[in-house]
C-alpha atoms as a PDB file:
ATOM      1  CA  MET A   1     -40.185  15.255 -67.699  1.00  0.00           C
ATOM      2  CA  LYS A   2     -41.218  12.264 -65.673  1.00  0.00           C
ATOM      3  CA  GLN A   3     -38.462  10.158 -67.261  1.00  0.00           C
ATOM      4  CA  THR A   4     -35.871  12.839 -66.494  1.00  0.00           C
ATOM      5  CA  LEU A   5     -36.980  12.910 -62.867  1.00  0.00           C
ATOM      6  CA  HIS A   6     -36.755   9.135 -62.538  1.00  0.00           C
ATOM      7  CA  LEU A   7     -33.317   9.115 -64.248  1.00  0.00           C
ATOM      8  CA  THR A   8     -32.096  11.884 -61.938  1.00  0.00           C
ATOM      9  CA  LEU A   9     -33.373  10.085 -58.803  1.00  0.00           C
ATOM     10  CA  GLY A  10     -31.829   6.797 -60.013  1.00  0.00           C
ATOM     11  CA  ILE A  11     -28.402   8.487 -60.522  1.00  0.00           C
ATOM     12  CA  LEU A  12     -28.669  10.175 -57.088  1.00  0.00           C
ATOM     13  CA  ALA A  13     -29.531   6.882 -55.411  1.00  0.00           C
ATOM     14  CA  MET A  14     -26.579   5.117 -57.021  1.00  0.00           C
ATOM     15  CA  SER A  15     -24.252   7.992 -56.068  1.00  0.00           C
ATOM     16  CA  VAL A  16     -25.375   7.746 -52.400  1.00  0.00           C
ATOM     17  CA  ALA A  17     -24.961   3.976 -52.396  1.00  0.00           C
ATOM     18  CA  LEU A  18     -21.437   4.218 -53.799  1.00  0.00           C
ATOM     19  CA  SER A  19     -20.554   6.980 -51.310  1.00  0.00           C
ATOM     20  CA  PHE A  20     -21.563   4.671 -48.451  1.00  0.00           C
ATOM     21  CA  GLN A  21     -19.497   1.779 -49.879  1.00  0.00           C
ATOM     22  CA  GLY A  22     -16.556   4.167 -50.186  1.00  0.00           C
ATOM     23  CA  CYS A  23     -16.893   5.189 -46.502  1.00  0.00           C
ATOM     24  CA  ASP A  24     -16.985   1.578 -45.385  1.00  0.00           C
ATOM     25  CA  LYS A  25     -13.891   0.785 -47.435  1.00  0.00           C
ATOM     26  CA  LEU A  26     -12.105   3.879 -45.988  1.00  0.00           C
ATOM     27  CA  LYS A  27     -13.068   2.938 -42.418  1.00  0.00           C
ATOM     28  CA  SER A  28     -11.772  -0.659 -42.885  1.00  0.00           C
ATOM     29  CA  ALA A  29      -8.586   0.599 -44.541  1.00  0.00           C
ATOM     30  CA  ILE A  30      -7.689   2.841 -41.541  1.00  0.00           C
ATOM     31  CA  LYS A  31      -8.851   0.368 -38.820  1.00  0.00           C
ATOM     32  CA  THR A  32      -6.354   0.513 -36.008  1.00  0.00           C
ATOM     33  CA  PRO A  33      -5.081  -2.889 -34.886  1.00  0.00           C
ATOM     34  CA  ASP A  34      -5.224  -3.878 -31.282  1.00  0.00           C
ATOM     35  CA  VAL A  35      -2.221  -2.859 -29.188  1.00  0.00           C
ATOM     36  CA  ASN A  36      -0.540  -5.370 -26.927  1.00  0.00           C
ATOM     37  CA  PHE A  37       1.745  -3.857 -24.331  1.00  0.00           C
ATOM     38  CA  THR A  38       3.776  -4.855 -21.320  1.00  0.00           C
ATOM     39  CA  GLY A  39       5.245  -1.399 -20.765  1.00  0.00           C
ATOM     40  CA  ALA A  40       3.601  -1.099 -17.301  1.00  0.00           C
ATOM     41  CA  SER A  41       6.058  -3.613 -15.798  1.00  0.00           C
ATOM     42  CA  ALA A  42       7.200  -3.058 -12.246  1.00  0.00           C
ATOM     43  CA  ASP A  43       9.419  -4.362  -9.467  1.00  0.00           C
ATOM     44  CA  ILE A  44       7.974  -5.364  -6.126  1.00  0.00           C
ATOM     45  CA  THR A  45      10.004  -5.868  -2.892  1.00  0.00           C
ATOM     46  CA  ILE A  46       8.810  -8.860  -0.815  1.00  0.00           C
ATOM     47  CA  PRO A  47      10.056  -8.592   2.729  1.00  0.00           C
ATOM     48  CA  PRO A  48      10.979 -11.530   4.953  1.00  0.00           C
ATOM     49  CA  THR A  49       7.974 -12.988   6.774  1.00  0.00           C
ATOM     50  CA  ASN A  50       7.271 -15.897   9.121  1.00  0.00           C
ATOM     51  CA  ASP A  51       3.503 -15.872   8.651  1.00  0.00           C
ATOM     52  CA  THR A  52       2.416 -19.131   6.999  1.00  0.00           C
ATOM     53  CA  THR A  53      -1.159 -18.945   8.209  1.00  0.00           C
ATOM     54  CA  ALA A  54      -2.808 -16.065   6.325  1.00  0.00           C
ATOM     55  CA  GLN A  55      -3.367 -15.352   2.655  1.00  0.00           C
ATOM     56  CA  ALA A  56      -2.450 -11.725   2.144  1.00  0.00           C
ATOM     57  CA  ALA A  57      -0.680  -9.194  -0.041  1.00  0.00           C
ATOM     58  CA  ILE A  58       3.022  -9.766   0.749  1.00  0.00           C
ATOM     59  CA  GLY A  59       4.381  -7.084  -1.580  1.00  0.00           C
ATOM     60  CA  THR A  60       3.010  -4.014  -3.404  1.00  0.00           C
ATOM     61  CA  THR A  61       4.282  -1.264  -5.676  1.00  0.00           C
ATOM     62  CA  THR A  62       2.662   1.917  -7.005  1.00  0.00           C
ATOM     63  CA  PHE A  63       3.709   3.842 -10.132  1.00  0.00           C
ATOM     64  CA  ALA A  64       2.288   6.190 -12.771  1.00  0.00           C
ATOM     65  CA  TYR A  65       2.097   5.348 -16.565  1.00  0.00           C
ATOM     66  CA  ASN A  66       0.933   7.526 -19.392  1.00  0.00           C
ATOM     67  CA  LEU A  67      -1.249   5.168 -21.383  1.00  0.00           C
ATOM     68  CA  ASP A  68      -2.325   7.899 -23.860  1.00  0.00           C
ATOM     69  CA  SER A  69       1.328   8.644 -24.870  1.00  0.00           C
ATOM     70  CA  MET A  70       2.092   4.855 -25.213  1.00  0.00           C
ATOM     71  CA  ILE A  71      -0.916   4.346 -27.548  1.00  0.00           C
ATOM     72  CA  LYS A  72      -0.064   7.356 -29.681  1.00  0.00           C
ATOM     73  CA  ALA A  73       3.534   6.115 -29.992  1.00  0.00           C
ATOM     74  CA  GLN A  74       2.492   2.665 -31.095  1.00  0.00           C
ATOM     75  CA  THR A  75      -0.164   3.926 -33.583  1.00  0.00           C
ATOM     76  CA  SER A  76       1.790   6.852 -35.051  1.00  0.00           C
ATOM     77  CA  GLY A  77      -0.648   9.226 -33.362  1.00  0.00           C
ATOM     78  CA  VAL A  78      -3.673   7.879 -35.188  1.00  0.00           C
ATOM     79  CA  VAL A  79      -5.551   7.084 -31.955  1.00  0.00           C
ATOM     80  CA  GLY A  80      -5.192   7.793 -28.232  1.00  0.00           C
ATOM     81  CA  PHE A  81      -6.705   6.787 -24.955  1.00  0.00           C
ATOM     82  CA  ASN A  82     -10.210   8.162 -25.884  1.00  0.00           C
ATOM     83  CA  SER A  83     -10.387   5.684 -28.825  1.00  0.00           C
ATOM     84  CA  ILE A  84     -10.176   2.606 -26.607  1.00  0.00           C
ATOM     85  CA  SER A  85     -13.120   0.220 -26.615  1.00  0.00           C
ATOM     86  CA  THR A  86     -11.727  -2.511 -24.334  1.00  0.00           C
ATOM     87  CA  ILE A  87      -8.690  -3.339 -22.216  1.00  0.00           C
ATOM     88  CA  LYS A  88      -8.082  -6.970 -21.261  1.00  0.00           C
ATOM     89  CA  ILE A  89      -5.164  -8.720 -19.447  1.00  0.00           C
ATOM     90  CA  THR A  90      -3.768 -11.754 -21.269  1.00  0.00           C
ATOM     91  CA  SER A  91      -0.826 -12.813 -19.173  1.00  0.00           C
ATOM     92  CA  MET A  92       1.043 -12.140 -15.921  1.00  0.00           C
ATOM     93  CA  THR A  93       4.560 -13.270 -15.099  1.00  0.00           C
ATOM     94  CA  PHE A  94       6.526 -12.933 -11.824  1.00  0.00           C
ATOM     95  CA  THR A  95      10.312 -13.320 -11.826  1.00  0.00           C
ATOM     96  CA  LEU A  96      12.400 -13.398  -8.656  1.00  0.00           C
ATOM     97  CA  LEU A  97      15.532 -11.445  -9.349  1.00  0.00           C
ATOM     98  CA  ASP A  98      17.482 -12.667  -6.339  1.00  0.00           C
ATOM     99  CA  GLY A  99      15.760 -15.892  -5.330  1.00  0.00           C
ATOM    100  CA  THR A 100      17.738 -18.724  -3.718  1.00  0.00           C
ATOM    101  CA  SER A 101      17.265 -22.458  -3.180  1.00  0.00           C
ATOM    102  CA  THR A 102      15.504 -21.770   0.123  1.00  0.00           C
ATOM    103  CA  ASN A 103      13.666 -18.568  -0.933  1.00  0.00           C
ATOM    104  CA  ASN A 104      11.808 -18.968  -4.197  1.00  0.00           C
ATOM    105  CA  PHE A 105       8.268 -19.650  -5.437  1.00  0.00           C
ATOM    106  CA  ALA A 106       8.325 -23.095  -3.808  1.00  0.00           C
ATOM    107  CA  ASN A 107       7.738 -21.211  -0.535  1.00  0.00           C
ATOM    108  CA  PHE A 108       4.332 -20.130  -1.808  1.00  0.00           C
ATOM    109  CA  ALA A 109       1.456 -22.605  -1.336  1.00  0.00           C
ATOM    110  CA  TYR A 110      -1.034 -20.088  -2.920  1.00  0.00           C
ATOM    111  CA  ALA A 111       0.307 -17.370  -5.226  1.00  0.00           C
ATOM    112  CA  GLY A 112      -1.310 -14.782  -7.466  1.00  0.00           C
ATOM    113  CA  GLY A 113      -1.388 -11.217  -8.540  1.00  0.00           C
ATOM    114  CA  GLU A 114      -3.828  -8.334  -8.203  1.00  0.00           C
ATOM    115  CA  PHE A 115      -3.872  -4.795  -9.535  1.00  0.00           C
ATOM    116  CA  ASN A 116      -5.733  -1.606  -8.902  1.00  0.00           C
ATOM    117  CA  THR A 117      -5.536   1.906 -10.237  1.00  0.00           C
ATOM    118  CA  GLY A 118      -6.472   5.448  -9.226  1.00  0.00           C
ATOM    119  CA  ALA A 119      -9.588   5.274 -11.419  1.00  0.00           C
ATOM    120  CA  VAL A 120     -12.983   6.206  -9.892  1.00  0.00           C
ATOM    121  CA  ASP A 121     -16.604   5.572 -10.937  1.00  0.00           C
ATOM    122  CA  SER A 122     -19.175   8.281 -11.825  1.00  0.00           C
ATOM    123  CA  HIS A 123     -19.787   8.794  -8.074  1.00  0.00           C
ATOM    124  CA  GLY A 124     -16.092   9.432  -7.327  1.00  0.00           C
ATOM    125  CA  ASN A 125     -15.574   6.014  -5.637  1.00  0.00           C
ATOM    126  CA  GLY A 126     -12.485   3.941  -6.328  1.00  0.00           C
ATOM    127  CA  TYR A 127     -12.580   0.333  -7.433  1.00  0.00           C
ATOM    128  CA  GLY A 128     -11.300  -2.470  -5.268  1.00  0.00           C
ATOM    129  CA  PRO A 129      -8.283  -4.524  -6.266  1.00  0.00           C
ATOM    130  CA  TYR A 130      -8.905  -6.954  -9.177  1.00  0.00           C
ATOM    131  CA  THR A 131      -7.491 -10.434  -8.960  1.00  0.00           C
ATOM    132  CA  ILE A 132      -5.736 -11.084 -12.287  1.00  0.00           C
ATOM    133  CA  ALA A 133      -4.352 -14.588 -11.907  1.00  0.00           C
ATOM    134  CA  TYR A 134      -3.552 -17.167  -9.235  1.00  0.00           C
ATOM    135  CA  VAL A 135      -2.704 -20.760  -8.510  1.00  0.00           C
ATOM    136  CA  ALA A 136      -4.359 -22.292  -5.444  1.00  0.00           C
ATOM    137  CA  ASN A 137      -1.999 -25.263  -5.129  1.00  0.00           C
ATOM    138  CA  ASN A 138       1.441 -24.075  -6.259  1.00  0.00           C
ATOM    139  CA  PRO A 139       3.927 -26.941  -6.617  1.00  0.00           C
ATOM    140  CA  ASP A 140       6.539 -27.270  -3.905  1.00  0.00           C
ATOM    141  CA  SER A 141       9.422 -27.130  -6.372  1.00  0.00           C
ATOM    142  CA  TYR A 142      12.261 -24.608  -6.946  1.00  0.00           C
ATOM    143  CA  ASN A 143      11.220 -21.952  -9.420  1.00  0.00           C
ATOM    144  CA  LEU A 144      12.235 -18.327  -9.952  1.00  0.00           C
ATOM    145  CA  THR A 145       9.572 -17.604 -12.589  1.00  0.00           C
ATOM    146  CA  PHE A 146       5.893 -17.964 -12.046  1.00  0.00           C
ATOM    147  CA  SER A 147       3.047 -17.379 -14.535  1.00  0.00           C
ATOM    148  CA  PRO A 148      -0.249 -18.132 -12.935  1.00  0.00           C
ATOM    149  CA  PRO A 149      -3.286 -18.575 -15.326  1.00  0.00           C
ATOM    150  CA  ILE A 150      -5.424 -15.529 -15.987  1.00  0.00           C
ATOM    151  CA  ILE A 151      -8.781 -15.866 -14.234  1.00  0.00           C
ATOM    152  CA  ASP A 152     -10.815 -14.257 -17.003  1.00  0.00           C
ATOM    153  CA  ALA A 153      -8.908 -13.051 -20.161  1.00  0.00           C
ATOM    154  CA  SER A 154     -12.272 -11.876 -21.667  1.00  0.00           C
ATOM    155  CA  GLN A 155     -12.975  -9.442 -18.786  1.00  0.00           C
ATOM    156  CA  ASP A 156     -13.027  -5.841 -19.976  1.00  0.00           C
ATOM    157  CA  LEU A 157     -11.045  -3.733 -17.400  1.00  0.00           C
ATOM    158  CA  LYS A 158     -11.290  -0.344 -19.148  1.00  0.00           C
ATOM    159  CA  LYS A 159     -13.001   1.226 -16.144  1.00  0.00           C
ATOM    160  CA  TYR A 160      -9.747   0.837 -14.189  1.00  0.00           C
ATOM    161  CA  PHE A 161      -7.849   3.076 -16.634  1.00  0.00           C
ATOM    162  CA  SER A 162      -7.427   6.705 -17.427  1.00  0.00           C
ATOM    163  CA  SER A 163      -5.117   8.424 -19.902  1.00  0.00           C
ATOM    164  CA  ASN A 164      -2.448   8.798 -17.217  1.00  0.00           C
ATOM    165  CA  THR A 165      -2.954   5.889 -14.825  1.00  0.00           C
ATOM    166  CA  THR A 166      -1.543   5.233 -11.342  1.00  0.00           C
ATOM    167  CA  PHE A 167      -1.046   1.501 -11.076  1.00  0.00           C
ATOM    168  CA  VAL A 168      -0.837  -0.573  -7.898  1.00  0.00           C
ATOM    169  CA  TYR A 169       0.440  -4.129  -8.300  1.00  0.00           C
ATOM    170  CA  LEU A 170       0.128  -6.705  -5.529  1.00  0.00           C
ATOM    171  CA  VAL A 171       1.710 -10.112  -4.998  1.00  0.00           C
ATOM    172  CA  VAL A 172      -0.804 -12.181  -2.957  1.00  0.00           C
ATOM    173  CA  ALA A 173       0.277 -15.330  -1.297  1.00  0.00           C
ATOM    174  CA  LYS A 174      -0.123 -17.902   1.457  1.00  0.00           C
ATOM    175  CA  LEU A 175       3.317 -19.334   2.353  1.00  0.00           C
ATOM    176  CA  ARG A 176       4.053 -22.861   3.020  1.00  0.00           C
ATOM    177  CA  ARG A 177       7.482 -21.916   4.453  1.00  0.00           C
ATOM    178  CA  PRO A 178       8.747 -18.493   5.769  1.00  0.00           C
ATOM    179  CA  ILE A 179      10.668 -16.184   3.501  1.00  0.00           C
ATOM    180  CA  THR A 180      13.910 -15.504   5.285  1.00  0.00           C
ATOM    181  CA  THR A 181      15.394 -12.783   3.070  1.00  0.00           C
ATOM    182  CA  THR A 182      14.157  -9.829   1.086  1.00  0.00           C
ATOM    183  CA  LEU A 183      13.091 -10.854  -2.434  1.00  0.00           C
ATOM    184  CA  HIS A 184      12.901  -8.551  -5.411  1.00  0.00           C
ATOM    185  CA  CYS A 185      10.196  -9.565  -7.895  1.00  0.00           C
ATOM    186  CA  HIS A 186       9.726  -8.270 -11.379  1.00  0.00           C
ATOM    187  CA  VAL A 187       6.127  -8.284 -12.672  1.00  0.00           C
ATOM    188  CA  ASP A 188       5.195  -8.263 -16.326  1.00  0.00           C
ATOM    189  CA  ILE A 189       1.543  -7.984 -17.348  1.00  0.00           C
ATOM    190  CA  THR A 190       0.452  -8.074 -20.935  1.00  0.00           C
ATOM    191  CA  TYR A 191      -2.559  -5.855 -21.744  1.00  0.00           C
ATOM    192  CA  ASP A 192      -4.618  -6.200 -24.912  1.00  0.00           C
ATOM    193  CA  ILE A 193      -6.106  -2.800 -25.968  1.00  0.00           C
ATOM    194  CA  ALA A 194      -8.800  -2.817 -28.648  1.00  0.00           C
ATOM    195  CA  PHE A 195     -10.164   0.206 -30.495  1.00  0.00           C
END
């Protein structure tokens, strides 16, 4: 009887161990890869300005984006917004769609980008704008495309997001020369979403 009990307990222990190994294999087999997306791109209008003394937001845009739908589309519905563990920004690029030889990124001594969203904390307070990337001493040379370095690509920005997010993108600059015409700037931000 004692041997039968030991044998039964031994078989039960092996079954449990094999079950846990099977679960681990199953979890790793269905692990969802990170999602990189630039779908929340936007166009910003930069009006003419003579102010070369202050550093300020010289153009902004606001738009809504359904992050939950995008994630479900890219993962065949396996995961959605609630499965996100982190959201990080890996790149930001500005492109002037109608820049000229006298109105381009050479006009900007300092240039960078910020973003904000409609997200709120547990007390119902909104978050302030987050500076994504900037260059403090932008070269004085003709350029229609500008990709400032990301300040902290390891920063988790998930708190700024909800399943349907209202984005606010800002072009922040201090001008070295006035902008004499309206400029249209396309902004591409690459987000890395991990599950």
